[in-house]
């Protein structure tokens, strides 16, 4: 499912769904879901994670109701899974796709420091 789209929620926020090349570079495609106050902020969240060339052109493949439920129930509001969506694959937090992304907190010190 190439492309992406968005769905505006009753509270005013949006869920953006994008199909992107896997950043690992294995030729597969991943479906990424982002919950944010607006579309621009959703794309900014992805760009800040290192996915620099992320754009939303049109609304051909908006998130499904199941995708919206999944991202709304995740504390980070960022999920992914491989495309095409397998019936058995669960959604993963963005940390599993981009291991260099660190969660907020105290920076780790090098061993012995």
PDB file of N, CA and C in Angstrom:
ATOM      1  N   UNK A   1       0.845  -1.173   0.000  1.00  0.00           N
ATOM      2  CA  UNK A   1       0.000   0.000   0.000  1.00  0.00           C
ATOM      3  C   UNK A   1       0.893   1.240   0.000  1.00  0.00           C
ATOM      4  N   UNK A   2       1.255   1.738  -1.165  1.00  0.00           N
ATOM      5  CA  UNK A   2       2.102   2.928  -1.208  1.00  0.00           C
ATOM      6  C   UNK A   2       1.318   4.171  -0.829  1.00  0.00           C
ATOM      7  N   UNK A   3       2.023   5.199  -0.457  1.00  0.00           N
ATOM      8  CA  UNK A   3       1.372   6.468  -0.148  1.00  0.00           C
ATOM      9  C   UNK A   3       1.002   6.597   1.309  1.00  0.00           C
ATOM     10  N   UNK A   4       0.056   7.443   1.545  1.00  0.00           N
ATOM     11  CA  UNK A   4      -0.358   7.679   2.913  1.00  0.00           C
ATOM     12  C   UNK A   4      -1.582   8.554   2.947  1.00  0.00           C
ATOM     13  N   UNK A   5      -1.920   8.936   4.166  1.00  0.00           N
ATOM     14  CA  UNK A   5      -3.074   9.784   4.343  1.00  0.00           C
ATOM     15  C   UNK A   5      -3.230  10.148   5.801  1.00  0.00           C
ATOM     16  N   UNK A   6      -4.332  10.793   6.112  1.00  0.00           N
ATOM     17  CA  UNK A   6      -4.553  11.229   7.479  1.00  0.00           C
ATOM     18  C   UNK A   6      -6.032  11.146   7.809  1.00  0.00           C
ATOM     19  N   UNK A   7      -6.322  11.152   9.103  1.00  0.00           N
ATOM     20  CA  UNK A   7      -7.695  11.196   9.586  1.00  0.00           C
ATOM     21  C   UNK A   7      -7.756  12.215  10.711  1.00  0.00           C
ATOM     22  N   UNK A   8      -8.678  13.146  10.603  1.00  0.00           N
ATOM     23  CA  UNK A   8      -8.867  14.147  11.650  1.00  0.00           C
ATOM     24  C   UNK A   8      -9.800  13.569  12.702  1.00  0.00           C
ATOM     25  N   UNK A   9      -9.391  13.644  13.960  1.00  0.00           N
ATOM     26  CA  UNK A   9     -10.173  13.094  15.055  1.00  0.00           C
ATOM     27  C   UNK A   9     -11.118  14.141  15.620  1.00  0.00           C
ATOM     28  N   UNK A  10     -12.172  13.730  16.320  1.00  0.00           N
ATOM     29  CA  UNK A  10     -13.138  14.686  16.860  1.00  0.00           C
ATOM     30  C   UNK A  10     -12.526  15.753  17.771  1.00  0.00           C
ATOM     31  N   UNK A  11     -11.461  15.438  18.481  1.00  0.00           N
ATOM     32  CA  UNK A  11     -10.817  16.400  19.369  1.00  0.00           C
ATOM     33  C   UNK A  11      -9.939  17.408  18.652  1.00  0.00           C
ATOM     34  N   UNK A  12      -9.783  17.271  17.327  1.00  0.00           N
ATOM     35  CA  UNK A  12      -8.975  18.210  16.561  1.00  0.00           C
ATOM     36  C   UNK A  12      -7.607  17.672  16.177  1.00  0.00           C
ATOM     37  N   UNK A  13      -7.108  16.628  16.849  1.00  0.00           N
ATOM     38  CA  UNK A  13      -5.805  16.070  16.491  1.00  0.00           C
ATOM     39  C   UNK A  13      -5.963  15.186  15.252  1.00  0.00           C
ATOM     40  N   UNK A  14      -4.844  14.731  14.712  1.00  0.00           N
ATOM     41  CA  UNK A  14      -4.860  13.900  13.511  1.00  0.00           C
ATOM     42  C   UNK A  14      -4.013  12.656  13.721  1.00  0.00           C
ATOM     43  N   UNK A  15      -4.331  11.645  12.937  1.00  0.00           N
ATOM     44  CA  UNK A  15      -3.494  10.451  12.825  1.00  0.00           C
ATOM     45  C   UNK A  15      -3.038  10.404  11.381  1.00  0.00           C
ATOM     46  N   UNK A  16      -1.720  10.377  11.189  1.00  0.00           N
ATOM     47  CA  UNK A  16      -1.137  10.320   9.854  1.00  0.00           C
ATOM     48  C   UNK A  16      -0.568   8.925   9.649  1.00  0.00           C
ATOM     49  N   UNK A  17      -0.850   8.330   8.502  1.00  0.00           N
ATOM     50  CA  UNK A  17      -0.333   7.025   8.136  1.00  0.00           C
ATOM     51  C   UNK A  17       0.474   7.174   6.853  1.00  0.00           C
ATOM     52  N   UNK A  18       1.706   6.668   6.863  1.00  0.00           N
ATOM     53  CA  UNK A  18       2.582   6.749   5.698  1.00  0.00           C
ATOM     54  C   UNK A  18       3.198   5.390   5.414  1.00  0.00           C
ATOM     55  N   UNK A  19       3.337   5.057   4.147  1.00  0.00           N
ATOM     56  CA  UNK A  19       4.086   3.876   3.735  1.00  0.00           C
ATOM     57  C   UNK A  19       5.432   4.361   3.221  1.00  0.00           C
ATOM     58  N   UNK A  20       6.496   3.911   3.885  1.00  0.00           N
ATOM     59  CA  UNK A  20       7.840   4.401   3.591  1.00  0.00           C
ATOM     60  C   UNK A  20       8.788   3.244   3.327  1.00  0.00           C
ATOM     61  N   UNK A  21       9.878   3.482   2.588  1.00  0.00           N
ATOM     62  CA  UNK A  21      10.912   2.457   2.480  1.00  0.00           C
ATOM     63  C   UNK A  21      11.504   2.186   3.867  1.00  0.00           C
ATOM     64  N   UNK A  22      11.778   0.938   4.136  1.00  0.00           N
ATOM     65  CA  UNK A  22      12.342   0.566   5.430  1.00  0.00           C
ATOM     66  C   UNK A  22      13.698   1.244   5.607  1.00  0.00           C
ATOM     67  N   UNK A  23      13.908   2.003   6.698  1.00  0.00           N
ATOM     68  CA  UNK A  23      15.187   2.682   6.903  1.00  0.00           C
ATOM     69  C   UNK A  23      16.367   1.729   7.038  1.00  0.00           C
ATOM     70  N   UNK A  24      16.098   0.474   7.317  1.00  0.00           N
ATOM     71  CA  UNK A  24      17.168  -0.515   7.411  1.00  0.00           C
ATOM     72  C   UNK A  24      17.776  -0.763   6.043  1.00  0.00           C
ATOM     73  N   UNK A  25      17.005  -0.523   4.994  1.00  0.00           N
ATOM     74  CA  UNK A  25      17.521  -0.639   3.633  1.00  0.00           C
ATOM     75  C   UNK A  25      17.412  -2.022   3.046  1.00  0.00           C
ATOM     76  N   UNK A  26      16.489  -2.838   3.519  1.00  0.00           N
ATOM     77  CA  UNK A  26      16.355  -4.193   2.994  1.00  0.00           C
ATOM     78  C   UNK A  26      15.364  -4.289   1.833  1.00  0.00           C
ATOM     79  N   UNK A  27      14.864  -3.154   1.352  1.00  0.00           N
ATOM     80  CA  UNK A  27      13.960  -3.135   0.211  1.00  0.00           C
ATOM     81  C   UNK A  27      12.497  -3.290   0.568  1.00  0.00           C
ATOM     82  N   UNK A  28      12.189  -3.542   1.824  1.00  0.00           N
ATOM     83  CA  UNK A  28      10.797  -3.681   2.216  1.00  0.00           C
ATOM     84  C   UNK A  28      10.181  -2.313   2.503  1.00  0.00           C
ATOM     85  N   UNK A  29       8.890  -2.314   2.706  1.00  0.00           N
ATOM     86  CA  UNK A  29       8.154  -1.095   3.009  1.00  0.00           C
ATOM     87  C   UNK A  29       7.546  -1.221   4.401  1.00  0.00           C
ATOM     88  N   UNK A  30       7.500  -0.105   5.119  1.00  0.00           N
ATOM     89  CA  UNK A  30       6.880  -0.095   6.438  1.00  0.00           C
ATOM     90  C   UNK A  30       5.734   0.903   6.447  1.00  0.00           C
ATOM     91  N   UNK A  31       4.728   0.618   7.223  1.00  0.00           N
ATOM     92  CA  UNK A  31       3.593   1.518   7.434  1.00  0.00           C
ATOM     93  C   UNK A  31       3.808   2.178   8.785  1.00  0.00           C
ATOM     94  N   UNK A  32       3.896   3.492   8.795  1.00  0.00           N
ATOM     95  CA  UNK A  32       4.173   4.262  10.002  1.00  0.00           C
ATOM     96  C   UNK A  32       2.931   5.059  10.365  1.00  0.00           C
ATOM     97  N   UNK A  33       2.568   5.034  11.643  1.00  0.00           N
ATOM     98  CA  UNK A  33       1.430   5.791  12.148  1.00  0.00           C
ATOM     99  C   UNK A  33       1.926   6.822  13.145  1.00  0.00           C
ATOM    100  N   UNK A  34       1.400   8.040  13.043  1.00  0.00           N
ATOM    101  CA  UNK A  34       1.794   9.130  13.934  1.00  0.00           C
ATOM    102  C   UNK A  34       0.541   9.843  14.424  1.00  0.00           C
ATOM    103  N   UNK A  35       0.449  10.032  15.730  1.00  0.00           N
ATOM    104  CA  UNK A  35      -0.636  10.824  16.316  1.00  0.00           C
ATOM    105  C   UNK A  35      -0.043  12.164  16.717  1.00  0.00           C
ATOM    106  N   UNK A  36      -0.646  13.266  16.285  1.00  0.00           N
ATOM    107  CA  UNK A  36      -0.111  14.602  16.561  1.00  0.00           C
ATOM    108  C   UNK A  36      -1.248  15.628  16.519  1.00  0.00           C
ATOM    109  N   UNK A  37      -0.970  16.837  17.011  1.00  0.00           N
ATOM    110  CA  UNK A  37      -2.003  17.886  16.987  1.00  0.00           C
ATOM    111  C   UNK A  37      -2.435  18.300  15.576  1.00  0.00           C
ATOM    112  N   UNK A  38      -1.515  18.196  14.598  1.00  0.00           N
ATOM    113  CA  UNK A  38      -1.852  18.536  13.214  1.00  0.00           C
ATOM    114  C   UNK A  38      -0.909  17.786  12.265  1.00  0.00           C
ATOM    115  N   UNK A  39      -1.192  17.860  10.955  1.00  0.00           N
ATOM    116  CA  UNK A  39      -0.384  17.112   9.977  1.00  0.00           C
ATOM    117  C   UNK A  39       1.061  17.578   9.954  1.00  0.00           C
ATOM    118  N   UNK A  40       1.281  18.872  10.023  1.00  0.00           N
ATOM    119  CA  UNK A  40       2.654  19.382   9.987  1.00  0.00           C
ATOM    120  C   UNK A  40       3.457  18.866  11.179  1.00  0.00           C
ATOM    121  N   UNK A  41       2.845  18.857  12.349  1.00  0.00           N
ATOM    122  CA  UNK A  41       3.553  18.368  13.543  1.00  0.00           C
ATOM    123  C   UNK A  41       3.852  16.874  13.436  1.00  0.00           C
ATOM    124  N   UNK A  42       2.945  16.113  12.837  1.00  0.00           N
ATOM    125  CA  UNK A  42       3.184  14.682  12.652  1.00  0.00           C
ATOM    126  C   UNK A  42       4.406  14.444  11.771  1.00  0.00           C
ATOM    127  N   UNK A  43       4.490  15.179  10.661  1.00  0.00           N
ATOM    128  CA  UNK A  43       5.648  15.022   9.777  1.00  0.00           C
ATOM    129  C   UNK A  43       6.915  15.516  10.441  1.00  0.00           C
ATOM    130  N   UNK A  44       6.825  16.563  11.241  1.00  0.00           N
ATOM    131  CA  UNK A  44       7.996  17.062  11.970  1.00  0.00           C
ATOM    132  C   UNK A  44       8.495  16.023  12.961  1.00  0.00           C
ATOM    133  N   UNK A  45       7.574  15.322  13.625  1.00  0.00           N
ATOM    134  CA  UNK A  45       7.982  14.274  14.565  1.00  0.00           C
ATOM    135  C   UNK A  45       8.813  13.210  13.848  1.00  0.00           C
ATOM    136  N   UNK A  46       8.400  12.814  12.640  1.00  0.00           N
ATOM    137  CA  UNK A  46       9.165  11.821  11.885  1.00  0.00           C
ATOM    138  C   UNK A  46      10.499  12.375  11.406  1.00  0.00           C
ATOM    139  N   UNK A  47      10.503  13.611  10.948  1.00  0.00           N
ATOM    140  CA  UNK A  47      11.761  14.211  10.491  1.00  0.00           C
ATOM    141  C   UNK A  47      12.759  14.346  11.630  1.00  0.00           C
ATOM    142  N   UNK A  48      12.279  14.642  12.826  1.00  0.00           N
ATOM    143  CA  UNK A  48      13.172  14.751  13.980  1.00  0.00           C
ATOM    144  C   UNK A  48      13.770  13.407  14.381  1.00  0.00           C
ATOM    145  N   UNK A  49      13.163  12.326  13.938  1.00  0.00           N
ATOM    146  CA  UNK A  49      13.691  10.994  14.216  1.00  0.00           C
ATOM    147  C   UNK A  49      14.708  10.540  13.170  1.00  0.00           C
ATOM    148  N   UNK A  50      14.935  11.357  12.161  1.00  0.00           N
ATOM    149  CA  UNK A  50      15.919  11.019  11.142  1.00  0.00           C
ATOM    150  C   UNK A  50      15.317  10.662   9.795  1.00  0.00           C
ATOM    151  N   UNK A  51      14.014  10.616   9.677  1.00  0.00           N
ATOM    152  CA  UNK A  51      13.364  10.340   8.397  1.00  0.00           C
ATOM    153  C   UNK A  51      13.154  11.670   7.688  1.00  0.00           C
ATOM    154  N   UNK A  52      14.204  12.188   7.084  1.00  0.00           N
ATOM    155  CA  UNK A  52      14.233  13.564   6.589  1.00  0.00           C
ATOM    156  C   UNK A  52      13.333  13.815   5.389  1.00  0.00           C
ATOM    157  N   UNK A  53      13.188  12.869   4.503  1.00  0.00           N
ATOM    158  CA  UNK A  53      12.444  13.133   3.268  1.00  0.00           C
ATOM    159  C   UNK A  53      11.025  12.576   3.345  1.00  0.00           C
ATOM    160  N   UNK A  54      10.311  12.903   4.408  1.00  0.00           N
ATOM    161  CA  UNK A  54       8.950  12.426   4.607  1.00  0.00           C
ATOM    162  C   UNK A  54       7.971  13.521   4.205  1.00  0.00           C
ATOM    163  N   UNK A  55       7.088  13.193   3.265  1.00  0.00           N
ATOM    164  CA  UNK A  55       6.080  14.139   2.810  1.00  0.00           C
ATOM    165  C   UNK A  55       4.743  13.428   2.723  1.00  0.00           C
ATOM    166  N   UNK A  56       3.673  14.171   2.899  1.00  0.00           N
ATOM    167  CA  UNK A  56       2.329  13.635   2.755  1.00  0.00           C
ATOM    168  C   UNK A  56       1.688  14.328   1.560  1.00  0.00           C
ATOM    169  N   UNK A  57       1.504  13.571   0.501  1.00  0.00           N
ATOM    170  CA  UNK A  57       0.900  14.119  -0.714  1.00  0.00           C
ATOM    171  C   UNK A  57      -0.437  13.433  -0.937  1.00  0.00           C
ATOM    172  N   UNK A  58      -1.492  14.138  -0.678  1.00  0.00           N
ATOM    173  CA  UNK A  58      -2.818  13.588  -0.872  1.00  0.00           C
ATOM    174  C   UNK A  58      -3.300  12.785   0.326  1.00  0.00           C
ATOM    175  N   UNK A  59      -4.431  12.132   0.120  1.00  0.00           N
ATOM    176  CA  UNK A  59      -5.045  11.343   1.182  1.00  0.00           C
ATOM    177  C   UNK A  59      -5.583  10.042   0.601  1.00  0.00           C
ATOM    178  N   UNK A  60      -4.756   9.388  -0.234  1.00  0.00           N
ATOM    179  CA  UNK A  60      -5.196   8.176  -0.915  1.00  0.00           C
ATOM    180  C   UNK A  60      -5.333   6.978   0.007  1.00  0.00           C
ATOM    181  N   UNK A  61      -4.469   6.881   1.010  1.00  0.00           N
ATOM    182  CA  UNK A  61      -4.463   5.725   1.908  1.00  0.00           C
ATOM    183  C   UNK A  61      -4.504   6.181   3.356  1.00  0.00           C
ATOM    184  N   UNK A  62      -5.639   6.711   3.798  1.00  0.00           N
ATOM    185  CA  UNK A  62      -5.726   7.177   5.180  1.00  0.00           C
ATOM    186  C   UNK A  62      -5.673   6.004   6.149  1.00  0.00           C
ATOM    187  N   UNK A  63      -5.424   6.279   7.410  1.00  0.00           N
ATOM    188  CA  UNK A  63      -5.374   5.187   8.392  1.00  0.00           C
ATOM    189  C   UNK A  63      -6.746   4.535   8.547  1.00  0.00           C
ATOM    190  N   UNK A  64      -6.719   3.239   8.741  1.00  0.00           N
ATOM    191  CA  UNK A  64      -7.956   2.494   8.973  1.00  0.00           C
ATOM    192  C   UNK A  64      -8.397   2.701  10.418  1.00  0.00           C
ATOM    193  N   UNK A  65      -9.633   2.389  10.740  1.00  0.00           N
ATOM    194  CA  UNK A  65     -10.057   2.494  12.141  1.00  0.00           C
ATOM    195  C   UNK A  65      -9.201   1.661  13.101  1.00  0.00           C
ATOM    196  N   UNK A  66      -8.754   0.487  12.655  1.00  0.00           N
ATOM    197  CA  UNK A  66      -7.878  -0.336  13.507  1.00  0.00           C
ATOM    198  C   UNK A  66      -6.530   0.340  13.733  1.00  0.00           C
ATOM    199  N   UNK A  67      -5.999   0.996  12.697  1.00  0.00           N
ATOM    200  CA  UNK A  67      -4.731   1.708  12.847  1.00  0.00           C
ATOM    201  C   UNK A  67      -4.883   2.892  13.796  1.00  0.00           C
ATOM    202  N   UNK A  68      -5.993   3.600  13.678  1.00  0.00           N
ATOM    203  CA  UNK A  68      -6.231   4.743  14.569  1.00  0.00           C
ATOM    204  C   UNK A  68      -6.307   4.270  16.015  1.00  0.00           C
ATOM    205  N   UNK A  69      -7.019   3.190  16.259  1.00  0.00           N
ATOM    206  CA  UNK A  69      -7.116   2.643  17.612  1.00  0.00           C
ATOM    207  C   UNK A  69      -5.752   2.245  18.142  1.00  0.00           C
ATOM    208  N   UNK A  70      -4.943   1.610  17.309  1.00  0.00           N
ATOM    209  CA  UNK A  70      -3.618   1.169  17.745  1.00  0.00           C
ATOM    210  C   UNK A  70      -2.743   2.340  18.166  1.00  0.00           C
ATOM    211  N   UNK A  71      -2.691   3.386  17.365  1.00  0.00           N
ATOM    212  CA  UNK A  71      -1.803   4.508  17.673  1.00  0.00           C
ATOM    213  C   UNK A  71      -2.325   5.329  18.850  1.00  0.00           C
ATOM    214  N   UNK A  72      -3.636   5.415  19.010  1.00  0.00           N
ATOM    215  CA  UNK A  72      -4.184   6.163  20.136  1.00  0.00           C
ATOM    216  C   UNK A  72      -3.934   5.463  21.470  1.00  0.00           C
ATOM    217  N   UNK A  73      -3.788   4.153  21.443  1.00  0.00           N
ATOM    218  CA  UNK A  73      -3.561   3.412  22.679  1.00  0.00           C
ATOM    219  C   UNK A  73      -2.081   3.207  22.993  1.00  0.00           C
ATOM    220  N   UNK A  74      -1.207   3.754  22.175  1.00  0.00           N
ATOM    221  CA  UNK A  74       0.233   3.635  22.431  1.00  0.00           C
ATOM    222  C   UNK A  74       0.732   4.929  23.059  1.00  0.00           C
ATOM    223  N   UNK A  75       1.518   4.848  24.146  1.00  0.00           N
ATOM    224  CA  UNK A  75       1.934   6.073  24.840  1.00  0.00           C
ATOM    225  C   UNK A  75       2.779   7.030  23.998  1.00  0.00           C
ATOM    226  N   UNK A  76       3.574   6.517  23.065  1.00  0.00           N
ATOM    227  CA  UNK A  76       4.416   7.388  22.240  1.00  0.00           C
ATOM    228  C   UNK A  76       3.651   7.997  21.066  1.00  0.00           C
ATOM    229  N   UNK A  77       2.588   7.352  20.625  1.00  0.00           N
ATOM    230  CA  UNK A  77       1.849   7.844  19.470  1.00  0.00           C
ATOM    231  C   UNK A  77       2.586   7.658  18.167  1.00  0.00           C
ATOM    232  N   UNK A  78       3.556   6.742  18.124  1.00  0.00           N
ATOM    233  CA  UNK A  78       4.335   6.435  16.919  1.00  0.00           C
ATOM    234  C   UNK A  78       4.483   4.919  16.816  1.00  0.00           C
ATOM    235  N   UNK A  79       3.949   4.341  15.753  1.00  0.00           N
ATOM    236  CA  UNK A  79       4.001   2.897  15.559  1.00  0.00           C
ATOM    237  C   UNK A  79       4.380   2.569  14.122  1.00  0.00           C
ATOM    238  N   UNK A  80       4.800   1.309  13.905  1.00  0.00           N
ATOM    239  CA  UNK A  80       5.105   0.857  12.545  1.00  0.00           C
ATOM    240  C   UNK A  80       4.917  -0.648  12.454  1.00  0.00           C
ATOM    241  N   UNK A  81       4.750  -1.143  11.241  1.00  0.00           N
ATOM    242  CA  UNK A  81       4.823  -2.564  10.909  1.00  0.00           C
ATOM    243  C   UNK A  81       5.087  -2.677   9.421  1.00  0.00           C
ATOM    244  N   UNK A  82       5.539  -3.846   9.007  1.00  0.00           N
ATOM    245  CA  UNK A  82       5.903  -4.015   7.602  1.00  0.00           C
ATOM    246  C   UNK A  82       4.655  -4.079   6.733  1.00  0.00           C
ATOM    247  N   UNK A  83       4.814  -3.714   5.469  1.00  0.00           N
ATOM    248  CA  UNK A  83       3.743  -3.789   4.480  1.00  0.00           C
ATOM    249  C   UNK A  83       4.071  -4.918   3.516  1.00  0.00           C
ATOM    250  N   UNK A  84       3.157  -5.614   2.943  1.00  0.00           N
ATOM    251  CA  UNK A  84       1.738  -5.491   3.250  1.00  0.00           C
ATOM    252  C   UNK A  84       1.459  -6.015   4.644  1.00  0.00           C
ATOM    253  N   UNK A  85       0.435  -5.463   5.248  1.00  0.00           N
ATOM    254  CA  UNK A  85       0.133  -5.817   6.618  1.00  0.00           C
ATOM    255  C   UNK A  85      -0.220  -7.287   6.718  1.00  0.00           C
ATOM    256  N   UNK A  86       0.617  -8.015   7.434  1.00  0.00           N
ATOM    257  CA  UNK A  86       0.325  -9.413   7.675  1.00  0.00           C
ATOM    258  C   UNK A  86      -0.702  -9.536   8.790  1.00  0.00           C
ATOM    259  N   UNK A  87      -1.516 -10.538   8.699  1.00  0.00           N
ATOM    260  CA  UNK A  87      -2.567 -10.705   9.696  1.00  0.00           C
ATOM    261  C   UNK A  87      -1.986 -11.022  11.068  1.00  0.00           C
ATOM    262  N   UNK A  88      -0.757 -11.514  11.099  1.00  0.00           N
ATOM    263  CA  UNK A  88      -0.190 -11.921  12.385  1.00  0.00           C
ATOM    264  C   UNK A  88       0.800 -10.919  12.951  1.00  0.00           C
ATOM    265  N   UNK A  89       1.247  -9.958  12.166  1.00  0.00           N
ATOM    266  CA  UNK A  89       2.247  -9.015  12.674  1.00  0.00           C
ATOM    267  C   UNK A  89       1.588  -7.936  13.527  1.00  0.00           C
ATOM    268  N   UNK A  90       2.168  -7.716  14.691  1.00  0.00           N
ATOM    269  CA  UNK A  90       1.681  -6.688  15.593  1.00  0.00           C
ATOM    270  C   UNK A  90       2.373  -5.370  15.286  1.00  0.00           C
ATOM    271  N   UNK A  91       1.832  -4.295  15.819  1.00  0.00           N
ATOM    272  CA  UNK A  91       2.459  -2.981  15.684  1.00  0.00           C
ATOM    273  C   UNK A  91       3.652  -2.907  16.621  1.00  0.00           C
ATOM    274  N   UNK A  92       4.704  -2.202  16.179  1.00  0.00           N
ATOM    275  CA  UNK A  92       5.936  -2.049  16.958  1.00  0.00           C
ATOM    276  C   UNK A  92       6.135  -0.577  17.297  1.00  0.00           C
ATOM    277  N   UNK A  93       6.737  -0.299  18.464  1.00  0.00           N
ATOM    278  CA  UNK A  93       7.084   1.107  18.751  1.00  0.00           C
ATOM    279  C   UNK A  93       8.173   1.568  17.804  1.00  0.00           C
ATOM    280  N   UNK A  94       8.245   2.856  17.566  1.00  0.00           N
ATOM    281  CA  UNK A  94       9.209   3.406  16.612  1.00  0.00           C
ATOM    282  C   UNK A  94      10.645   3.097  17.023  1.00  0.00           C
ATOM    283  N   UNK A  95      10.895   2.907  18.312  1.00  0.00           N
ATOM    284  CA  UNK A  95      12.244   2.578  18.797  1.00  0.00           C
ATOM    285  C   UNK A  95      12.773   1.291  18.182  1.00  0.00           C
ATOM    286  N   UNK A  96      11.864   0.351  17.863  1.00  0.00           N
ATOM    287  CA  UNK A  96      12.287  -0.913  17.265  1.00  0.00           C
ATOM    288  C   UNK A  96      12.732  -0.743  15.815  1.00  0.00           C
ATOM    289  N   UNK A  97      12.225   0.273  15.133  1.00  0.00           N
ATOM    290  CA  UNK A  97      12.605   0.520  13.736  1.00  0.00           C
ATOM    291  C   UNK A  97      13.850   1.382  13.644  1.00  0.00           C
ATOM    292  N   UNK A  98      13.944   2.351  14.532  1.00  0.00           N
ATOM    293  CA  UNK A  98      15.055   3.296  14.536  1.00  0.00           C
ATOM    294  C   UNK A  98      15.796   3.164  15.860  1.00  0.00           C
ATOM    295  N   UNK A  99      16.707   2.200  15.985  1.00  0.00           N
ATOM    296  CA  UNK A  99      17.352   1.956  17.276  1.00  0.00           C
ATOM    297  C   UNK A  99      18.187   3.125  17.792  1.00  0.00           C
ATOM    298  N   UNK A 100      18.570   4.052  16.935  1.00  0.00           N
ATOM    299  CA  UNK A 100      19.363   5.185  17.399  1.00  0.00           C
ATOM    300  C   UNK A 100      18.508   6.204  18.138  1.00  0.00           C
ATOM    301  N   UNK A 101      17.179   6.096  18.021  1.00  0.00           N
ATOM    302  CA  UNK A 101      16.285   7.021  18.705  1.00  0.00           C
ATOM    303  C   UNK A 101      16.258   6.654  20.180  1.00  0.00           C
ATOM    304  N   UNK A 102      16.492   7.643  21.026  1.00  0.00           N
ATOM    305  CA  UNK A 102      16.496   7.402  22.462  1.00  0.00           C
ATOM    306  C   UNK A 102      15.311   8.102  23.085  1.00  0.00           C
ATOM    307  N   UNK A 103      14.793   7.486  24.107  1.00  0.00           N
ATOM    308  CA  UNK A 103      13.680   8.093  24.800  1.00  0.00           C
ATOM    309  C   UNK A 103      14.192   9.199  25.693  1.00  0.00           C
ATOM    310  N   UNK A 104      13.291  10.079  26.124  1.00  0.00           N
ATOM    311  CA  UNK A 104      13.664  11.171  27.012  1.00  0.00           C
ATOM    312  C   UNK A 104      14.199  10.602  28.310  1.00  0.00           C
ATOM    313  N   UNK A 105      15.147  11.289  28.885  1.00  0.00           N
ATOM    314  CA  UNK A 105      15.682  10.864  30.168  1.00  0.00           C
ATOM    315  C   UNK A 105      17.123  11.293  30.296  1.00  0.00           C
ATOM    316  N   UNK A 106      17.768  10.729  31.275  1.00  0.00           N
ATOM    317  CA  UNK A 106      19.152  11.060  31.546  1.00  0.00           C
ATOM    318  C   UNK A 106      20.042  10.391  30.521  1.00  0.00           C
ATOM    319  N   UNK A 107      20.981  11.121  29.898  1.00  0.00           N
ATOM    320  CA  UNK A 107      21.878  10.501  28.922  1.00  0.00           C
ATOM    321  C   UNK A 107      22.744   9.444  29.602  1.00  0.00           C
ATOM    322  N   UNK A 108      22.996   8.385  28.873  1.00  0.00           N
ATOM    323  CA  UNK A 108      23.865   7.334  29.397  1.00  0.00           C
ATOM    324  C   UNK A 108      25.318   7.776  29.308  1.00  0.00           C
ATOM    325  N   UNK A 109      26.076   7.441  30.310  1.00  0.00           N
ATOM    326  CA  UNK A 109      27.496   7.728  30.305  1.00  0.00           C
ATOM    327  C   UNK A 109      28.260   6.522  29.822  1.00  0.00           C
ATOM    328  N   UNK A 110      29.414   6.759  29.242  1.00  0.00           N
ATOM    329  CA  UNK A 110      30.250   5.652  28.789  1.00  0.00           C
ATOM    330  C   UNK A 110      30.690   4.833  29.987  1.00  0.00           C
ATOM    331  N   UNK A 111      30.968   3.546  29.755  1.00  0.00           N
ATOM    332  CA  UNK A 111      31.405   2.682  30.846  1.00  0.00           C
ATOM    333  C   UNK A 111      32.657   3.236  31.505  1.00  0.00           C
ATOM    334  N   UNK A 112      32.651   3.229  32.813  1.00  0.00           N
ATOM    335  CA  UNK A 112      33.802   3.711  33.567  1.00  0.00           C
ATOM    336  C   UNK A 112      33.840   5.197  33.763  1.00  0.00           C
ATOM    337  N   UNK A 113      32.854   5.910  33.229  1.00  0.00           N
ATOM    338  CA  UNK A 113      32.884   7.366  33.350  1.00  0.00           C
ATOM    339  C   UNK A 113      32.109   7.823  34.561  1.00  0.00           C
TER     340      UNK A 113
END
